[in-house]
Amino acid sequence: MGASFMTMQVDGEKSHAEIAAIFEAEQERDRYENGHEYSGGFGMARGLKFPPGLPFPTIGEANEWLMRGAQKWEAALCVKVASPNVWLIGAWCAS
């Protein structure tokens, strides 16, 4: 089966707990709208992880890192971006 790379941005002032709750709500919405198998959306990710590291300078650099670091069937990854001040979540979602 294939996979789709998905991203979403969250306000950079949010805590890890707030981001996790936002992401969980997005997963539930995705599963409700698209089903529980091979939807190609965030509902296919196994939770959310915050890898350690400094903020990425730009969304582009963070996105490239997420595309290389995220794995199909595993948790989505969430990294901090300095400019603009956001969190970027990325995942390879089974489709």
Protein backbone atom coordinates (compact mmCIF):
# COMPACT_ATOMS: atom_id res chain seq x y z
CA MET A 1 0.00 0.00 0.00
CA GLY A 2 0.98 3.63 -0.43
CA ALA A 3 1.38 6.56 1.90
CA SER A 4 0.63 10.27 1.85
CA PHE A 5 2.79 12.83 3.61
CA MET A 6 0.61 15.11 5.73
CA THR A 7 1.51 18.23 7.69
CA MET A 8 -0.30 20.65 9.93
CA GLN A 9 0.72 23.77 11.82
CA VAL A 10 -0.14 24.64 15.41
CA ASP A 11 0.39 27.98 17.16
CA GLY A 12 3.93 28.17 18.52
CA GLU A 13 2.73 29.32 21.95
CA LYS A 14 0.91 26.01 22.64
CA SER A 15 2.31 23.50 25.14
CA HIS A 16 3.09 19.88 24.27
CA ALA A 17 -0.10 18.81 26.06
CA GLU A 18 -2.22 21.30 24.11
CA ILE A 19 -0.65 20.22 20.81
CA ALA A 20 -1.23 16.55 21.63
CA ALA A 21 -4.91 17.28 22.34
CA ILE A 22 -5.29 19.22 19.08
CA PHE A 23 -3.63 16.40 17.14
CA GLU A 24 -5.75 13.73 18.83
CA ALA A 25 -8.90 15.67 17.87
CA GLU A 26 -7.64 15.86 14.26
CA GLN A 27 -7.02 12.11 14.26
CA GLU A 28 -10.53 11.42 15.56
CA ARG A 29 -12.03 13.75 12.93
CA ASP A 30 -10.03 12.05 10.18
CA ARG A 31 -11.10 8.56 11.26
CA TYR A 32 -14.75 9.64 11.49
CA GLU A 33 -14.71 11.20 8.02
CA ASN A 34 -12.40 8.75 6.21
CA GLY A 35 -12.50 5.44 8.07
CA HIS A 36 -9.96 3.55 10.12
CA GLU A 37 -7.90 1.91 7.38
CA TYR A 38 -5.69 3.34 4.63
CA SER A 39 -7.32 6.78 4.60
CA GLY A 40 -4.07 8.65 3.91
CA GLY A 41 -4.83 11.05 6.77
CA PHE A 42 -3.56 11.71 10.28
CA GLY A 43 -5.88 9.04 11.65
CA MET A 44 -3.37 6.45 10.43
CA ALA A 45 -0.50 7.78 12.62
CA ARG A 46 0.28 6.01 15.91
CA GLY A 47 0.16 9.05 18.15
CA LEU A 48 2.51 12.01 18.29
CA LYS A 49 6.17 12.38 19.28
CA PHE A 50 8.24 15.48 19.99
CA PRO A 51 11.84 14.71 18.94
CA PRO A 52 14.45 16.68 20.87
CA GLY A 53 16.34 19.42 19.08
CA LEU A 54 16.60 23.10 18.42
CA PRO A 55 13.87 24.93 16.52
CA PHE A 56 14.16 24.81 12.75
CA PRO A 57 14.77 28.25 11.21
CA THR A 58 12.01 27.88 8.57
CA ILE A 59 8.97 25.77 7.75
CA GLY A 60 10.74 24.49 4.63
CA GLU A 61 13.68 23.11 6.61
CA ALA A 62 11.38 21.56 9.20
CA ASN A 63 9.23 20.02 6.46
CA GLU A 64 12.26 18.44 4.75
CA TRP A 65 13.42 16.96 8.07
CA LEU A 66 9.95 15.60 8.84
CA MET A 67 9.68 13.99 5.39
CA ARG A 68 12.94 12.13 6.03
CA GLY A 69 12.30 11.35 9.71
CA ALA A 70 8.67 10.28 9.81
CA GLN A 71 7.83 6.62 9.13
CA LYS A 72 4.68 5.04 7.73
CA TRP A 73 2.62 3.31 10.46
CA GLU A 74 4.55 5.14 13.21
CA ALA A 75 3.80 8.25 15.26
CA ALA A 76 3.59 11.67 13.67
CA LEU A 77 6.51 13.95 14.56
CA CYS A 78 6.16 17.50 15.87
CA VAL A 79 8.98 20.05 15.67
CA LYS A 80 9.30 23.71 16.53
CA VAL A 81 9.81 26.35 13.83
CA ALA A 82 11.37 29.70 14.75
CA SER A 83 9.97 31.84 11.92
CA PRO A 84 7.05 31.92 11.89
CA ASN A 85 6.56 30.83 15.50
CA VAL A 86 4.72 27.54 14.94
CA TRP A 87 4.87 23.84 15.65
CA LEU A 88 4.89 21.68 12.50
CA ILE A 89 3.49 18.16 12.62
CA GLY A 90 4.34 15.69 9.87
CA ALA A 91 3.50 12.04 9.20
CA TRP A 92 3.56 9.46 6.41
CA CYS A 93 -0.03 8.19 6.53
CA ALA A 94 -1.02 4.83 5.01
CA SER A 95 -3.25 5.11 1.97
